[in-house]
Amino acid sequence: MARIVTTCPTTGESVPTGYRSADIDLEQSSGAWSFRCSVCQQVHAWTASEARTEATERFAA
């Protein structure tokens, strides 16, 4: 199961939301969720349209 990630609005970095793709279907979801950001420690809200699965992330080598 891939982790669901979004972008931290404070730093612009990709961060995990604490959810996995088996928990939430991004194509069918219309709600908003919140999580404590592991980068800046603030609570952020995210929607399915702002998120992506870790499998689609491209990390710099």
N, C-alpha and C. Protein backbone atom coordinates (compact mmCIF):
# COMPACT_ATOMS: atom_id res chain seq x y z
N MET A 1 0.82 -1.18 0.00
CA MET A 1 0.00 0.00 0.00
C MET A 1 0.87 1.25 0.00
N ALA A 2 0.64 2.10 -0.91
CA ALA A 2 1.42 3.33 -1.00
C ALA A 2 0.90 4.37 -0.01
N ARG A 3 1.84 5.14 0.55
CA ARG A 3 1.44 6.24 1.43
C ARG A 3 0.87 7.38 0.59
N ILE A 4 -0.05 8.12 1.18
CA ILE A 4 -0.59 9.31 0.54
C ILE A 4 0.22 10.49 1.03
N VAL A 5 0.72 11.28 0.10
CA VAL A 5 1.54 12.45 0.42
C VAL A 5 0.89 13.71 -0.15
N THR A 6 1.26 14.84 0.42
CA THR A 6 0.82 16.13 -0.06
C THR A 6 1.98 17.11 0.14
N THR A 7 1.78 18.34 -0.20
CA THR A 7 2.84 19.34 -0.08
C THR A 7 2.61 20.20 1.15
N CYS A 8 3.65 20.35 1.95
CA CYS A 8 3.58 21.23 3.12
C CYS A 8 3.45 22.66 2.62
N PRO A 9 2.39 23.38 3.03
CA PRO A 9 2.24 24.75 2.54
C PRO A 9 3.27 25.72 3.12
N THR A 10 3.93 25.34 4.20
CA THR A 10 4.94 26.19 4.82
C THR A 10 6.29 26.05 4.14
N THR A 11 6.70 24.81 3.86
CA THR A 11 8.04 24.57 3.31
C THR A 11 8.05 24.19 1.84
N GLY A 12 6.91 23.72 1.32
CA GLY A 12 6.86 23.27 -0.07
C GLY A 12 7.37 21.86 -0.27
N GLU A 13 7.74 21.17 0.82
CA GLU A 13 8.25 19.80 0.72
C GLU A 13 7.11 18.80 0.67
N SER A 14 7.36 17.66 0.05
CA SER A 14 6.40 16.55 0.06
C SER A 14 6.44 15.91 1.44
N VAL A 15 5.26 15.66 1.99
CA VAL A 15 5.17 15.06 3.32
C VAL A 15 4.08 13.99 3.34
N PRO A 16 4.30 12.91 4.08
CA PRO A 16 3.26 11.89 4.21
C PRO A 16 2.12 12.41 5.08
N THR A 17 0.90 12.03 4.75
CA THR A 17 -0.27 12.48 5.49
C THR A 17 -0.63 11.56 6.66
N GLY A 18 -0.05 10.38 6.69
CA GLY A 18 -0.41 9.41 7.71
C GLY A 18 -1.46 8.43 7.23
N TYR A 19 -1.92 8.61 6.00
CA TYR A 19 -2.90 7.72 5.39
C TYR A 19 -2.23 6.89 4.30
N ARG A 20 -2.86 5.79 3.97
CA ARG A 20 -2.37 4.92 2.89
C ARG A 20 -3.46 4.79 1.84
N SER A 21 -3.09 4.37 0.65
CA SER A 21 -4.04 4.30 -0.47
C SER A 21 -5.17 3.31 -0.22
N ALA A 22 -4.97 2.33 0.65
CA ALA A 22 -6.05 1.39 0.97
C ALA A 22 -7.09 2.05 1.88
N ASP A 23 -6.68 3.11 2.62
CA ASP A 23 -7.59 3.80 3.53
C ASP A 23 -8.49 4.78 2.79
N ILE A 24 -7.96 5.41 1.76
CA ILE A 24 -8.67 6.48 1.06
C ILE A 24 -8.49 6.30 -0.45
N ASP A 25 -9.59 6.33 -1.17
CA ASP A 25 -9.55 6.28 -2.64
C ASP A 25 -9.52 7.72 -3.14
N LEU A 26 -8.38 8.19 -3.60
CA LEU A 26 -8.24 9.59 -4.00
C LEU A 26 -9.15 9.97 -5.16
N GLU A 27 -9.47 9.02 -6.01
CA GLU A 27 -10.33 9.32 -7.16
C GLU A 27 -11.79 9.49 -6.76
N GLN A 28 -12.20 8.91 -5.64
CA GLN A 28 -13.59 8.95 -5.22
C GLN A 28 -13.85 9.86 -4.03
N SER A 29 -12.81 10.43 -3.44
CA SER A 29 -12.94 11.21 -2.21
C SER A 29 -13.24 12.67 -2.49
N SER A 30 -14.10 13.24 -1.64
CA SER A 30 -14.42 14.65 -1.80
C SER A 30 -14.26 15.42 -0.49
N GLY A 31 -13.85 14.75 0.58
CA GLY A 31 -13.71 15.40 1.86
C GLY A 31 -12.33 15.99 2.07
N ALA A 32 -12.14 16.55 3.26
CA ALA A 32 -10.84 17.08 3.66
C ALA A 32 -10.39 16.35 4.92
N TRP A 33 -9.10 16.18 5.05
CA TRP A 33 -8.50 15.51 6.19
C TRP A 33 -7.41 16.41 6.75
N SER A 34 -7.04 16.16 7.98
CA SER A 34 -5.95 16.93 8.56
C SER A 34 -4.89 15.99 9.12
N PHE A 35 -3.69 16.52 9.29
CA PHE A 35 -2.57 15.75 9.83
C PHE A 35 -1.54 16.71 10.40
N ARG A 36 -0.73 16.23 11.31
CA ARG A 36 0.38 17.02 11.83
C ARG A 36 1.58 16.79 10.92
N CYS A 37 2.09 17.83 10.34
CA CYS A 37 3.18 17.77 9.38
C CYS A 37 4.48 17.35 10.06
N SER A 38 5.14 16.37 9.50
CA SER A 38 6.41 15.89 10.06
C SER A 38 7.56 16.84 9.77
N VAL A 39 7.36 17.81 8.90
CA VAL A 39 8.42 18.76 8.55
C VAL A 39 8.35 20.02 9.42
N CYS A 40 7.18 20.66 9.48
CA CYS A 40 7.08 21.92 10.22
C CYS A 40 6.29 21.81 11.53
N GLN A 41 5.73 20.62 11.80
CA GLN A 41 4.99 20.33 13.02
C GLN A 41 3.66 21.06 13.16
N GLN A 42 3.19 21.73 12.12
CA GLN A 42 1.89 22.38 12.15
C GLN A 42 0.83 21.40 11.65
N VAL A 43 -0.43 21.68 11.97
CA VAL A 43 -1.54 20.86 11.46
C VAL A 43 -1.99 21.47 10.15
N HIS A 44 -2.04 20.63 9.11
CA HIS A 44 -2.48 21.06 7.78
C HIS A 44 -3.70 20.26 7.38
N ALA A 45 -4.54 20.85 6.56
CA ALA A 45 -5.67 20.14 5.95
C ALA A 45 -5.29 19.85 4.51
N TRP A 46 -5.80 18.74 3.98
CA TRP A 46 -5.54 18.40 2.59
C TRP A 46 -6.79 17.75 1.99
N THR A 47 -6.92 17.85 0.69
CA THR A 47 -8.02 17.22 -0.03
C THR A 47 -7.44 16.25 -1.04
N ALA A 48 -8.27 15.41 -1.58
CA ALA A 48 -7.82 14.41 -2.55
C ALA A 48 -7.19 15.07 -3.78
N SER A 49 -7.69 16.21 -4.17
CA SER A 49 -7.15 16.88 -5.36
C SER A 49 -5.74 17.41 -5.12
N GLU A 50 -5.34 17.61 -3.87
CA GLU A 50 -4.00 18.11 -3.55
C GLU A 50 -3.01 16.99 -3.26
N ALA A 51 -3.51 15.77 -3.14
CA ALA A 51 -2.68 14.65 -2.70
C ALA A 51 -2.29 13.75 -3.87
N ARG A 52 -1.34 12.88 -3.58
CA ARG A 52 -0.90 11.88 -4.55
C ARG A 52 -0.35 10.70 -3.76
N THR A 53 -0.19 9.59 -4.42
CA THR A 53 0.40 8.45 -3.72
C THR A 53 1.91 8.50 -3.84
N GLU A 54 2.55 7.92 -2.87
CA GLU A 54 4.02 7.91 -2.83
C GLU A 54 4.59 7.28 -4.10
N ALA A 55 3.87 6.34 -4.68
CA ALA A 55 4.35 5.67 -5.88
C ALA A 55 4.51 6.63 -7.06
N THR A 56 3.79 7.76 -7.03
CA THR A 56 3.89 8.73 -8.12
C THR A 56 4.93 9.79 -7.84
N GLU A 57 5.52 9.78 -6.64
CA GLU A 57 6.54 10.75 -6.29
C GLU A 57 7.85 10.47 -7.03
N ARG A 58 8.55 11.50 -7.38
CA ARG A 58 9.87 11.37 -7.99
C ARG A 58 10.85 12.10 -7.08
N PHE A 59 11.65 11.34 -6.38
CA PHE A 59 12.60 11.91 -5.45
C PHE A 59 13.95 12.09 -6.13
N ALA A 60 14.61 13.16 -5.77
CA ALA A 60 15.94 13.43 -6.34
C ALA A 60 16.94 12.39 -5.84
N ALA A 61 17.81 11.95 -6.71
CA ALA A 61 18.82 10.95 -6.33
C ALA A 61 20.02 11.59 -5.68
